[in-house]
Amino acid sequence: MATKKKVVTKKPAKAPTKKPAKAPAKKAAKRKPNAAFMKPMTVSAALGAVIGNGAMPRTEVTKKIWAYIKKHDLQDAKNRRNINADEKLKEVFGGKKQVSMFEMTKLVSKHLK
């Protein structure tokens, strides 16, 4: 005896479901600057000859030193991490002719109070 075949009826295709709209992404909160870096510091006379006198935060001191270095083309040509000191910077760097940029921050901090 032959078995009857089941007739399979196709179900209608589902309409694509819309995904619920995502909530707008939160904007990244701006980082608050560390208060210790923003505190105005007194600049020594030797450092004042390079960046100017007056109290200013450490961040501003670093910016002005880099502006001075770039203006007078004091970065070493072969190794850009080294800074060749001119007469004004030698006083700040403790008499050294060349310092690395990492050592520079340590030497400059001695001139801030």
PDB file of N, CA and C in Angstrom:
ATOM      1  N   MET A   1       0.789  -1.154   0.000  1.00  0.00           N
ATOM      2  CA  MET A   1       0.000   0.000   0.000  1.00  0.00           C
ATOM      3  C   MET A   1       0.854   1.250   0.000  1.00  0.00           C
ATOM      4  N   ALA A   2       0.455   2.165  -0.723  1.00  0.00           N
ATOM      5  CA  ALA A   2       1.218   3.397  -0.829  1.00  0.00           C
ATOM      6  C   ALA A   2       0.833   4.336   0.309  1.00  0.00           C
ATOM      7  N   THR A   3       1.830   4.972   0.878  1.00  0.00           N
ATOM      8  CA  THR A   3       1.536   5.907   1.964  1.00  0.00           C
ATOM      9  C   THR A   3       1.252   7.269   1.358  1.00  0.00           C
ATOM     10  N   LYS A   4       0.400   7.949   2.017  1.00  0.00           N
ATOM     11  CA  LYS A   4       0.055   9.277   1.525  1.00  0.00           C
ATOM     12  C   LYS A   4       1.166  10.261   1.918  1.00  0.00           C
ATOM     13  N   LYS A   5       1.482  11.119   0.978  1.00  0.00           N
ATOM     14  CA  LYS A   5       2.450  12.177   1.265  1.00  0.00           C
ATOM     15  C   LYS A   5       1.750  13.336   1.934  1.00  0.00           C
ATOM     16  N   LYS A   6       2.458  13.881   2.905  1.00  0.00           N
ATOM     17  CA  LYS A   6       1.892  15.042   3.573  1.00  0.00           C
ATOM     18  C   LYS A   6       2.110  16.260   2.690  1.00  0.00           C
ATOM     19  N   VAL A   7       1.123  17.030   2.578  1.00  0.00           N
ATOM     20  CA  VAL A   7       1.227  18.264   1.814  1.00  0.00           C
ATOM     21  C   VAL A   7       1.671  19.348   2.799  1.00  0.00           C
ATOM     22  N   VAL A   8       2.815  19.910   2.495  1.00  0.00           N
ATOM     23  CA  VAL A   8       3.343  20.954   3.360  1.00  0.00           C
ATOM     24  C   VAL A   8       2.976  22.288   2.744  1.00  0.00           C
ATOM     25  N   THR A   9       2.289  23.069   3.500  1.00  0.00           N
ATOM     26  CA  THR A   9       1.952  24.399   2.996  1.00  0.00           C
ATOM     27  C   THR A   9       2.974  25.384   3.554  1.00  0.00           C
ATOM     28  N   LYS A  10       3.393  26.241   2.693  1.00  0.00           N
ATOM     29  CA  LYS A  10       4.378  27.243   3.127  1.00  0.00           C
ATOM     30  C   LYS A  10       3.682  28.344   3.894  1.00  0.00           C
ATOM     31  N   LYS A  11       4.317  28.728   4.986  1.00  0.00           N
ATOM     32  CA  LYS A  11       3.794  29.832   5.766  1.00  0.00           C
ATOM     33  C   LYS A  11       4.225  31.123   5.085  1.00  0.00           C
ATOM     34  N   PRO A  12       3.393  32.112   5.145  1.00  0.00           N
ATOM     35  CA  PRO A  12       3.816  33.376   4.533  1.00  0.00           C
ATOM     36  C   PRO A  12       5.053  33.920   5.252  1.00  0.00           C
ATOM     37  N   ALA A  13       5.962  34.507   4.486  1.00  0.00           N
ATOM     38  CA  ALA A  13       7.200  35.053   5.057  1.00  0.00           C
ATOM     39  C   ALA A  13       6.863  36.191   6.009  1.00  0.00           C
ATOM     40  N   LYS A  14       7.562  36.202   7.123  1.00  0.00           N
ATOM     41  CA  LYS A  14       7.326  37.266   8.099  1.00  0.00           C
ATOM     42  C   LYS A  14       7.930  38.558   7.584  1.00  0.00           C
ATOM     43  N   ALA A  15       7.254  39.606   7.843  1.00  0.00           N
ATOM     44  CA  ALA A  15       7.803  40.915   7.489  1.00  0.00           C
ATOM     45  C   ALA A  15       8.976  41.174   8.426  1.00  0.00           C
ATOM     46  N   PRO A  16      10.061  41.751   7.899  1.00  0.00           N
ATOM     47  CA  PRO A  16      11.204  42.006   8.779  1.00  0.00           C
ATOM     48  C   PRO A  16      10.785  42.910   9.933  1.00  0.00           C
ATOM     49  N   THR A  17      11.144  42.471  11.117  1.00  0.00           N
ATOM     50  CA  THR A  17      10.769  43.263  12.285  1.00  0.00           C
ATOM     51  C   THR A  17      11.755  44.397  12.459  1.00  0.00           C
ATOM     52  N   LYS A  18      11.214  45.506  12.808  1.00  0.00           N
ATOM     53  CA  LYS A  18      12.086  46.657  13.032  1.00  0.00           C
ATOM     54  C   LYS A  18      12.679  46.555  14.425  1.00  0.00           C
ATOM     55  N   LYS A  19      13.978  46.796  14.491  1.00  0.00           N
ATOM     56  CA  LYS A  19      14.635  46.783  15.795  1.00  0.00           C
ATOM     57  C   LYS A  19      14.284  48.077  16.493  1.00  0.00           C
ATOM     58  N   PRO A  20      14.118  48.009  17.784  1.00  0.00           N
ATOM     59  CA  PRO A  20      13.820  49.254  18.483  1.00  0.00           C
ATOM     60  C   PRO A  20      15.012  50.212  18.350  1.00  0.00           C
ATOM     61  N   ALA A  21      14.703  51.455  18.170  1.00  0.00           N
ATOM     62  CA  ALA A  21      15.755  52.454  17.990  1.00  0.00           C
ATOM     63  C   ALA A  21      16.619  52.506  19.242  1.00  0.00           C
ATOM     64  N   LYS A  22      17.925  52.511  19.024  1.00  0.00           N
ATOM     65  CA  LYS A  22      18.845  52.588  20.155  1.00  0.00           C
ATOM     66  C   LYS A  22      18.810  53.989  20.723  1.00  0.00           C
ATOM     67  N   ALA A  23      19.026  54.056  21.995  1.00  0.00           N
ATOM     68  CA  ALA A  23      19.108  55.358  22.636  1.00  0.00           C
ATOM     69  C   ALA A  23      20.345  56.058  22.094  1.00  0.00           C
ATOM     70  N   PRO A  24      20.293  57.364  21.906  1.00  0.00           N
ATOM     71  CA  PRO A  24      21.477  58.052  21.380  1.00  0.00           C
ATOM     72  C   PRO A  24      22.681  57.822  22.293  1.00  0.00           C
ATOM     73  N   ALA A  25      23.813  57.619  21.651  1.00  0.00           N
ATOM     74  CA  ALA A  25      25.032  57.336  22.412  1.00  0.00           C
ATOM     75  C   ALA A  25      25.366  58.526  23.301  1.00  0.00           C
ATOM     76  N   LYS A  26      25.765  58.216  24.514  1.00  0.00           N
ATOM     77  CA  LYS A  26      26.141  59.290  25.432  1.00  0.00           C
ATOM     78  C   LYS A  26      27.449  59.892  24.981  1.00  0.00           C
ATOM     79  N   LYS A  27      27.521  61.186  25.049  1.00  0.00           N
ATOM     80  CA  LYS A  27      28.779  61.844  24.705  1.00  0.00           C
ATOM     81  C   LYS A  27      29.780  61.566  25.810  1.00  0.00           C
ATOM     82  N   ALA A  28      31.008  61.326  25.416  1.00  0.00           N
ATOM     83  CA  ALA A  28      32.051  61.059  26.401  1.00  0.00           C
ATOM     84  C   ALA A  28      32.235  62.308  27.255  1.00  0.00           C
ATOM     85  N   ALA A  29      32.198  62.112  28.531  1.00  0.00           N
ATOM     86  CA  ALA A  29      32.371  63.238  29.438  1.00  0.00           C
ATOM     87  C   ALA A  29      33.796  63.756  29.319  1.00  0.00           C
ATOM     88  N   LYS A  30      33.921  65.064  29.284  1.00  0.00           N
ATOM     89  CA  LYS A  30      35.260  65.647  29.194  1.00  0.00           C
ATOM     90  C   LYS A  30      36.002  65.374  30.484  1.00  0.00           C
ATOM     91  N   ARG A  31      37.288  65.043  30.314  1.00  0.00           N
ATOM     92  CA  ARG A  31      38.107  64.787  31.499  1.00  0.00           C
ATOM     93  C   ARG A  31      38.355  66.091  32.223  1.00  0.00           C
ATOM     94  N   LYS A  32      38.279  66.010  33.514  1.00  0.00           N
ATOM     95  CA  LYS A  32      38.589  67.189  34.306  1.00  0.00           C
ATOM     96  C   LYS A  32      40.097  67.255  34.484  1.00  0.00           C
ATOM     97  N   PRO A  33      40.707  68.406  34.256  1.00  0.00           N
ATOM     98  CA  PRO A  33      42.155  68.495  34.471  1.00  0.00           C
ATOM     99  C   PRO A  33      42.474  68.338  35.948  1.00  0.00           C
ATOM    100  N   ASN A  34      43.611  67.712  36.204  1.00  0.00           N
ATOM    101  CA  ASN A  34      44.055  67.512  37.572  1.00  0.00           C
ATOM    102  C   ASN A  34      44.371  68.878  38.186  1.00  0.00           C
ATOM    103  N   ALA A  35      43.840  69.127  39.356  1.00  0.00           N
ATOM    104  CA  ALA A  35      44.020  70.425  39.998  1.00  0.00           C
ATOM    105  C   ALA A  35      45.490  70.730  40.277  1.00  0.00           C
ATOM    106  N   ALA A  36      46.285  69.692  40.531  1.00  0.00           N
ATOM    107  CA  ALA A  36      47.704  69.912  40.827  1.00  0.00           C
ATOM    108  C   ALA A  36      48.437  70.461  39.602  1.00  0.00           C
ATOM    109  N   PHE A  37      48.037  70.035  38.412  1.00  0.00           N
ATOM    110  CA  PHE A  37      48.693  70.532  37.202  1.00  0.00           C
ATOM    111  C   PHE A  37      48.253  71.954  36.872  1.00  0.00           C
ATOM    112  N   MET A  38      47.057  72.318  37.296  1.00  0.00           N
ATOM    113  CA  MET A  38      46.515  73.624  36.941  1.00  0.00           C
ATOM    114  C   MET A  38      46.846  74.709  37.963  1.00  0.00           C
ATOM    115  N   LYS A  39      47.478  74.336  39.071  1.00  0.00           N
ATOM    116  CA  LYS A  39      47.833  75.313  40.104  1.00  0.00           C
ATOM    117  C   LYS A  39      48.971  76.192  39.601  1.00  0.00           C
ATOM    118  N   PRO A  40      48.827  77.500  39.658  1.00  0.00           N
ATOM    119  CA  PRO A  40      49.914  78.380  39.197  1.00  0.00           C
ATOM    120  C   PRO A  40      51.172  78.190  40.042  1.00  0.00           C
ATOM    121  N   MET A  41      52.289  78.063  39.352  1.00  0.00           N
ATOM    122  CA  MET A  41      53.584  77.868  40.004  1.00  0.00           C
ATOM    123  C   MET A  41      54.461  79.091  39.743  1.00  0.00           C
ATOM    124  N   THR A  42      55.340  79.373  40.690  1.00  0.00           N
ATOM    125  CA  THR A  42      56.295  80.473  40.534  1.00  0.00           C
ATOM    126  C   THR A  42      57.491  79.971  39.735  1.00  0.00           C
ATOM    127  N   VAL A  43      57.899  80.744  38.749  1.00  0.00           N
ATOM    128  CA  VAL A  43      58.974  80.353  37.839  1.00  0.00           C
ATOM    129  C   VAL A  43      60.288  80.981  38.313  1.00  0.00           C
ATOM    130  N   SER A  44      61.396  80.218  38.267  1.00  0.00           N
ATOM    131  CA  SER A  44      62.704  80.753  38.658  1.00  0.00           C
ATOM    132  C   SER A  44      63.182  81.764  37.617  1.00  0.00           C
ATOM    133  N   ALA A  45      64.227  82.502  37.959  1.00  0.00           N
ATOM    134  CA  ALA A  45      64.763  83.519  37.048  1.00  0.00           C
ATOM    135  C   ALA A  45      65.324  82.885  35.778  1.00  0.00           C
ATOM    136  N   ALA A  46      66.016  81.740  35.918  1.00  0.00           N
ATOM    137  CA  ALA A  46      66.609  81.081  34.751  1.00  0.00           C
ATOM    138  C   ALA A  46      65.523  80.599  33.786  1.00  0.00           C
ATOM    139  N   LEU A  47      64.473  80.008  34.332  1.00  0.00           N
ATOM    140  CA  LEU A  47      63.373  79.537  33.487  1.00  0.00           C
ATOM    141  C   LEU A  47      62.555  80.708  32.959  1.00  0.00           C
ATOM    142  N   GLY A  48      62.462  81.765  33.753  1.00  0.00           N
ATOM    143  CA  GLY A  48      61.741  82.966  33.332  1.00  0.00           C
ATOM    144  C   GLY A  48      62.383  83.620  32.121  1.00  0.00           C
ATOM    145  N   ALA A  49      63.702  83.483  31.967  1.00  0.00           N
ATOM    146  CA  ALA A  49      64.388  84.044  30.806  1.00  0.00           C
ATOM    147  C   ALA A  49      63.983  83.317  29.526  1.00  0.00           C
ATOM    148  N   VAL A  50      63.555  82.070  29.657  1.00  0.00           N
ATOM    149  CA  VAL A  50      63.166  81.279  28.488  1.00  0.00           C
ATOM    150  C   VAL A  50      61.691  81.461  28.158  1.00  0.00           C
ATOM    151  N   ILE A  51      60.810  81.349  29.176  1.00  0.00           N
ATOM    152  CA  ILE A  51      59.368  81.328  28.906  1.00  0.00           C
ATOM    153  C   ILE A  51      58.637  82.573  29.372  1.00  0.00           C
ATOM    154  N   GLY A  52      59.309  83.440  30.072  1.00  0.00           N
ATOM    155  CA  GLY A  52      58.656  84.630  30.593  1.00  0.00           C
ATOM    156  C   GLY A  52      58.361  84.477  32.074  1.00  0.00           C
ATOM    157  N   ASN A  53      58.313  85.602  32.766  1.00  0.00           N
ATOM    158  CA  ASN A  53      58.080  85.583  34.204  1.00  0.00           C
ATOM    159  C   ASN A  53      56.594  85.561  34.504  1.00  0.00           C
ATOM    160  N   GLY A  54      56.281  85.268  35.720  1.00  0.00           N
ATOM    161  CA  GLY A  54      54.887  85.229  36.151  1.00  0.00           C
ATOM    162  C   GLY A  54      54.497  83.811  36.517  1.00  0.00           C
ATOM    163  N   ALA A  55      53.489  83.719  37.362  1.00  0.00           N
ATOM    164  CA  ALA A  55      53.011  82.406  37.792  1.00  0.00           C
ATOM    165  C   ALA A  55      52.180  81.783  36.683  1.00  0.00           C
ATOM    166  N   MET A  56      52.421  80.506  36.434  1.00  0.00           N
ATOM    167  CA  MET A  56      51.640  79.775  35.422  1.00  0.00           C
ATOM    168  C   MET A  56      51.604  78.305  35.774  1.00  0.00           C
ATOM    169  N   PRO A  57      50.574  77.589  35.311  1.00  0.00           N
ATOM    170  CA  PRO A  57      50.480  76.156  35.607  1.00  0.00           C
ATOM    171  C   PRO A  57      51.556  75.350  34.878  1.00  0.00           C
ATOM    172  N   ARG A  58      51.828  74.153  35.384  1.00  0.00           N
ATOM    173  CA  ARG A  58      52.849  73.280  34.783  1.00  0.00           C
ATOM    174  C   ARG A  58      52.573  73.015  33.312  1.00  0.00           C
ATOM    175  N   THR A  59      51.303  72.824  32.978  1.00  0.00           N
ATOM    176  CA  THR A  59      50.954  72.525  31.589  1.00  0.00           C
ATOM    177  C   THR A  59      51.360  73.661  30.668  1.00  0.00           C
ATOM    178  N   GLU A  60      51.148  74.878  31.125  1.00  0.00           N
ATOM    179  CA  GLU A  60      51.499  76.054  30.322  1.00  0.00           C
ATOM    180  C   GLU A  60      53.016  76.197  30.219  1.00  0.00           C
ATOM    181  N   VAL A  61      53.728  75.883  31.294  1.00  0.00           N
ATOM    182  CA  VAL A  61      55.195  75.932  31.278  1.00  0.00           C
ATOM    183  C   VAL A  61      55.730  74.976  30.214  1.00  0.00           C
ATOM    184  N   THR A  62      55.200  73.748  30.186  1.00  0.00           N
ATOM    185  CA  THR A  62      55.646  72.750  29.210  1.00  0.00           C
ATOM    186  C   THR A  62      55.353  73.218  27.790  1.00  0.00           C
ATOM    187  N   LYS A  63      54.178  73.782  27.556  1.00  0.00           N
ATOM    188  CA  LYS A  63      53.823  74.278  26.225  1.00  0.00           C
ATOM    189  C   LYS A  63      54.788  75.369  25.768  1.00  0.00           C
ATOM    190  N   LYS A  64      55.106  76.290  26.680  1.00  0.00           N
ATOM    191  CA  LYS A  64      55.984  77.405  26.310  1.00  0.00           C
ATOM    192  C   LYS A  64      57.413  76.934  26.062  1.00  0.00           C
ATOM    193  N   ILE A  65      57.882  75.953  26.827  1.00  0.00           N
ATOM    194  CA  ILE A  65      59.228  75.423  26.595  1.00  0.00           C
ATOM    195  C   ILE A  65      59.291  74.761  25.226  1.00  0.00           C
ATOM    196  N   TRP A  66      58.274  73.965  24.882  1.00  0.00           N
ATOM    197  CA  TRP A  66      58.267  73.311  23.564  1.00  0.00           C
ATOM    198  C   TRP A  66      58.155  74.339  22.442  1.00  0.00           C
ATOM    199  N   ALA A  67      57.414  75.411  22.658  1.00  0.00           N
ATOM    200  CA  ALA A  67      57.329  76.472  21.647  1.00  0.00           C
ATOM    201  C   ALA A  67      58.712  77.098  21.443  1.00  0.00           C
ATOM    202  N   TYR A  68      59.440  77.318  22.555  1.00  0.00           N
ATOM    203  CA  TYR A  68      60.798  77.883  22.478  1.00  0.00           C
ATOM    204  C   TYR A  68      61.733  76.919  21.741  1.00  0.00           C
ATOM    205  N   ILE A  69      61.645  75.629  22.054  1.00  0.00           N
ATOM    206  CA  ILE A  69      62.515  74.624  21.418  1.00  0.00           C
ATOM    207  C   ILE A  69      62.254  74.564  19.920  1.00  0.00           C
ATOM    208  N   LYS A  70      60.987  74.565  19.527  1.00  0.00           N
ATOM    209  CA  LYS A  70      60.655  74.486  18.101  1.00  0.00           C
ATOM    210  C   LYS A  70      61.017  75.779  17.370  1.00  0.00           C
ATOM    211  N   LYS A  71      60.814  76.924  18.030  1.00  0.00           N
ATOM    212  CA  LYS A  71      61.122  78.216  17.406  1.00  0.00           C
ATOM    213  C   LYS A  71      62.615  78.333  17.114  1.00  0.00           C
ATOM    214  N   HIS A  72      63.449  77.854  18.035  1.00  0.00           N
ATOM    215  CA  HIS A  72      64.906  77.957  17.875  1.00  0.00           C
ATOM    216  C   HIS A  72      65.529  76.696  17.289  1.00  0.00           C
ATOM    217  N   ASP A  73      64.693  75.747  16.845  1.00  0.00           N
ATOM    218  CA  ASP A  73      65.139  74.505  16.203  1.00  0.00           C
ATOM    219  C   ASP A  73      66.198  73.787  17.053  1.00  0.00           C
ATOM    220  N   LEU A  74      65.831  73.453  18.276  1.00  0.00           N
ATOM    221  CA  LEU A  74      66.769  72.855  19.221  1.00  0.00           C
ATOM    222  C   LEU A  74      66.646  71.340  19.342  1.00  0.00           C
ATOM    223  N   GLN A  75      65.683  70.728  18.640  1.00  0.00           N
ATOM    224  CA  GLN A  75      65.597  69.264  18.677  1.00  0.00           C
ATOM    225  C   GLN A  75      66.733  68.685  17.849  1.00  0.00           C
ATOM    226  N   ASP A  76      67.310  67.578  18.342  1.00  0.00           N
ATOM    227  CA  ASP A  76      68.394  66.906  17.633  1.00  0.00           C
ATOM    228  C   ASP A  76      67.859  66.368  16.307  1.00  0.00           C
ATOM    229  N   ALA A  77      68.647  66.513  15.234  1.00  0.00           N
ATOM    230  CA  ALA A  77      68.192  66.089  13.902  1.00  0.00           C
ATOM    231  C   ALA A  77      68.084  64.570  13.791  1.00  0.00           C
ATOM    232  N   LYS A  78      69.031  63.844  14.375  1.00  0.00           N
ATOM    233  CA  LYS A  78      69.030  62.381  14.256  1.00  0.00           C
ATOM    234  C   LYS A  78      68.063  61.738  15.236  1.00  0.00           C
ATOM    235  N   ASN A  79      68.122  62.144  16.490  1.00  0.00           N
ATOM    236  CA  ASN A  79      67.249  61.579  17.521  1.00  0.00           C
ATOM    237  C   ASN A  79      66.357  62.699  18.038  1.00  0.00           C
ATOM    238  N   ARG A  80      65.116  62.741  17.567  1.00  0.00           N
ATOM    239  CA  ARG A  80      64.209  63.849  17.879  1.00  0.00           C
ATOM    240  C   ARG A  80      63.795  63.886  19.352  1.00  0.00           C
ATOM    241  N   ARG A  81      64.127  62.834  20.108  1.00  0.00           N
ATOM    242  CA  ARG A  81      63.800  62.837  21.537  1.00  0.00           C
ATOM    243  C   ARG A  81      64.786  63.666  22.341  1.00  0.00           C
ATOM    244  N   ASN A  82      65.911  64.022  21.745  1.00  0.00           N
ATOM    245  CA  ASN A  82      66.919  64.806  22.460  1.00  0.00           C
ATOM    246  C   ASN A  82      66.791  66.281  22.114  1.00  0.00           C
ATOM    247  N   ILE A  83      67.106  67.108  23.101  1.00  0.00           N
ATOM    248  CA  ILE A  83      67.044  68.545  22.931  1.00  0.00           C
ATOM    249  C   ILE A  83      68.436  69.107  23.157  1.00  0.00           C
ATOM    250  N   ASN A  84      68.924  69.851  22.181  1.00  0.00           N
ATOM    251  CA  ASN A  84      70.223  70.509  22.288  1.00  0.00           C
ATOM    252  C   ASN A  84      69.994  71.874  22.931  1.00  0.00           C
ATOM    253  N   ALA A  85      70.655  72.131  24.030  1.00  0.00           N
ATOM    254  CA  ALA A  85      70.421  73.352  24.798  1.00  0.00           C
ATOM    255  C   ALA A  85      71.226  74.516  24.228  1.00  0.00           C
ATOM    256  N   ASP A  86      70.574  75.675  24.152  1.00  0.00           N
ATOM    257  CA  ASP A  86      71.311  76.897  23.848  1.00  0.00           C
ATOM    258  C   ASP A  86      71.723  77.503  25.200  1.00  0.00           C
ATOM    259  N   GLU A  87      72.253  78.721  25.195  1.00  0.00           N
ATOM    260  CA  GLU A  87      72.772  79.310  26.441  1.00  0.00           C
ATOM    261  C   GLU A  87      71.688  79.466  27.512  1.00  0.00           C
ATOM    262  N   LYS A  88      70.492  79.887  27.113  1.00  0.00           N
ATOM    263  CA  LYS A  88      69.421  80.067  28.096  1.00  0.00           C
ATOM    264  C   LYS A  88      68.968  78.733  28.682  1.00  0.00           C
ATOM    265  N   LEU A  89      68.844  77.729  27.838  1.00  0.00           N
ATOM    266  CA  LEU A  89      68.373  76.425  28.321  1.00  0.00           C
ATOM    267  C   LEU A  89      69.431  75.684  29.135  1.00  0.00           C
ATOM    268  N   LYS A  90      70.722  75.978  28.886  1.00  0.00           N
ATOM    269  CA  LYS A  90      71.776  75.326  29.673  1.00  0.00           C
ATOM    270  C   LYS A  90      71.611  75.616  31.152  1.00  0.00           C
ATOM    271  N   GLU A  91      71.207  76.852  31.476  1.00  0.00           N
ATOM    272  CA  GLU A  91      70.990  77.218  32.877  1.00  0.00           C
ATOM    273  C   GLU A  91      69.848  76.400  33.468  1.00  0.00           C
ATOM    274  N   VAL A  92      68.805  76.199  32.691  1.00  0.00           N
ATOM    275  CA  VAL A  92      67.649  75.430  33.159  1.00  0.00           C
ATOM    276  C   VAL A  92      68.001  73.945  33.293  1.00  0.00           C
ATOM    277  N   PHE A  93      68.802  73.443  32.357  1.00  0.00           N
ATOM    278  CA  PHE A  93      69.159  72.021  32.331  1.00  0.00           C
ATOM    279  C   PHE A  93      70.366  71.694  33.198  1.00  0.00           C
ATOM    280  N   GLY A  94      70.792  72.601  34.032  1.00  0.00           N
ATOM    281  CA  GLY A  94      71.896  72.333  34.947  1.00  0.00           C
ATOM    282  C   GLY A  94      73.238  72.240  34.242  1.00  0.00           C
ATOM    283  N   GLY A  95      73.439  72.981  33.153  1.00  0.00           N
ATOM    284  CA  GLY A  95      74.716  73.004  32.445  1.00  0.00           C
ATOM    285  C   GLY A  95      74.876  71.914  31.403  1.00  0.00           C
ATOM    286  N   LYS A  96      73.908  71.059  31.226  1.00  0.00           N
ATOM    287  CA  LYS A  96      74.007  69.982  30.238  1.00  0.00           C
ATOM    288  C   LYS A  96      73.781  70.534  28.833  1.00  0.00           C
ATOM    289  N   LYS A  97      74.548  70.014  27.867  1.00  0.00           N
ATOM    290  CA  LYS A  97      74.401  70.453  26.475  1.00  0.00           C
ATOM    291  C   LYS A  97      73.214  69.784  25.802  1.00  0.00           C
ATOM    292  N   GLN A  98      72.930  68.543  26.188  1.00  0.00           N
ATOM    293  CA  GLN A  98      71.848  67.796  25.548  1.00  0.00           C
ATOM    294  C   GLN A  98      71.115  66.959  26.595  1.00  0.00           C
ATOM    295  N   VAL A  99      69.779  66.998  26.544  1.00  0.00           N
ATOM    296  CA  VAL A  99      68.962  66.187  27.449  1.00  0.00           C
ATOM    297  C   VAL A  99      67.850  65.533  26.638  1.00  0.00           C
ATOM    298  N   SER A 100      67.312  64.423  27.178  1.00  0.00           N
ATOM    299  CA  SER A 100      66.169  63.801  26.515  1.00  0.00           C
ATOM    300  C   SER A 100      64.915  64.560  26.944  1.00  0.00           C
ATOM    301  N   MET A 101      63.857  64.419  26.172  1.00  0.00           N
ATOM    302  CA  MET A 101      62.628  65.143  26.501  1.00  0.00           C
ATOM    303  C   MET A 101      62.023  64.662  27.820  1.00  0.00           C
ATOM    304  N   PHE A 102      62.317  63.421  28.207  1.00  0.00           N
ATOM    305  CA  PHE A 102      61.803  62.902  29.470  1.00  0.00           C
ATOM    306  C   PHE A 102      62.590  63.469  30.646  1.00  0.00           C
ATOM    307  N   GLU A 103      63.882  63.633  30.451  1.00  0.00           N
ATOM    308  CA  GLU A 103      64.734  64.215  31.487  1.00  0.00           C
ATOM    309  C   GLU A 103      64.443  65.710  31.630  1.00  0.00           C
ATOM    310  N   MET A 104      64.021  66.325  30.533  1.00  0.00           N
ATOM    311  CA  MET A 104      63.754  67.756  30.531  1.00  0.00           C
ATOM    312  C   MET A 104      62.682  68.112  31.562  1.00  0.00           C
ATOM    313  N   THR A 105      61.611  67.347  31.632  1.00  0.00           N
ATOM    314  CA  THR A 105      60.533  67.670  32.575  1.00  0.00           C
ATOM    315  C   THR A 105      61.021  67.596  34.020  1.00  0.00           C
ATOM    316  N   LYS A 106      61.897  66.647  34.298  1.00  0.00           N
ATOM    317  CA  LYS A 106      62.473  66.507  35.642  1.00  0.00           C
ATOM    318  C   LYS A 106      63.326  67.727  35.986  1.00  0.00           C
ATOM    319  N   LEU A 107      64.127  68.179  35.021  1.00  0.00           N
ATOM    320  CA  LEU A 107      64.994  69.326  35.252  1.00  0.00           C
ATOM    321  C   LEU A 107      64.204  70.624  35.362  1.00  0.00           C
ATOM    322  N   VAL A 108      63.149  70.751  34.592  1.00  0.00           N
ATOM    323  CA  VAL A 108      62.332  71.964  34.634  1.00  0.00           C
ATOM    324  C   VAL A 108      61.570  72.051  35.948  1.00  0.00           C
ATOM    325  N   SER A 109      61.123  70.920  36.482  1.00  0.00           N
ATOM    326  CA  SER A 109      60.353  70.943  37.722  1.00  0.00           C
ATOM    327  C   SER A 109      61.160  71.511  38.887  1.00  0.00           C
ATOM    328  N   LYS A 110      62.485  71.437  38.804  1.00  0.00           N
ATOM    329  CA  LYS A 110      63.337  72.019  39.857  1.00  0.00           C
ATOM    330  C   LYS A 110      63.256  73.550  39.852  1.00  0.00           C
ATOM    331  N   HIS A 111      62.815  74.127  38.742  1.00  0.00           N
ATOM    332  CA  HIS A 111      62.740  75.575  38.613  1.00  0.00           C
ATOM    333  C   HIS A 111      61.335  76.118  38.908  1.00  0.00           C
ATOM    334  N   LEU A 112      60.460  75.251  39.392  1.00  0.00           N
ATOM    335  CA  LEU A 112      59.094  75.667  39.730  1.00  0.00           C
ATOM    336  C   LEU A 112      58.861  75.525  41.232  1.00  0.00           C
ATOM    337  N   LYS A 113      58.177  76.501  41.801  1.00  0.00           N
ATOM    338  CA  LYS A 113      57.833  76.455  43.228  1.00  0.00           C
ATOM    339  C   LYS A 113      56.370  76.729  43.402  1.00  0.00           C
TER     340      LYS A 113
END
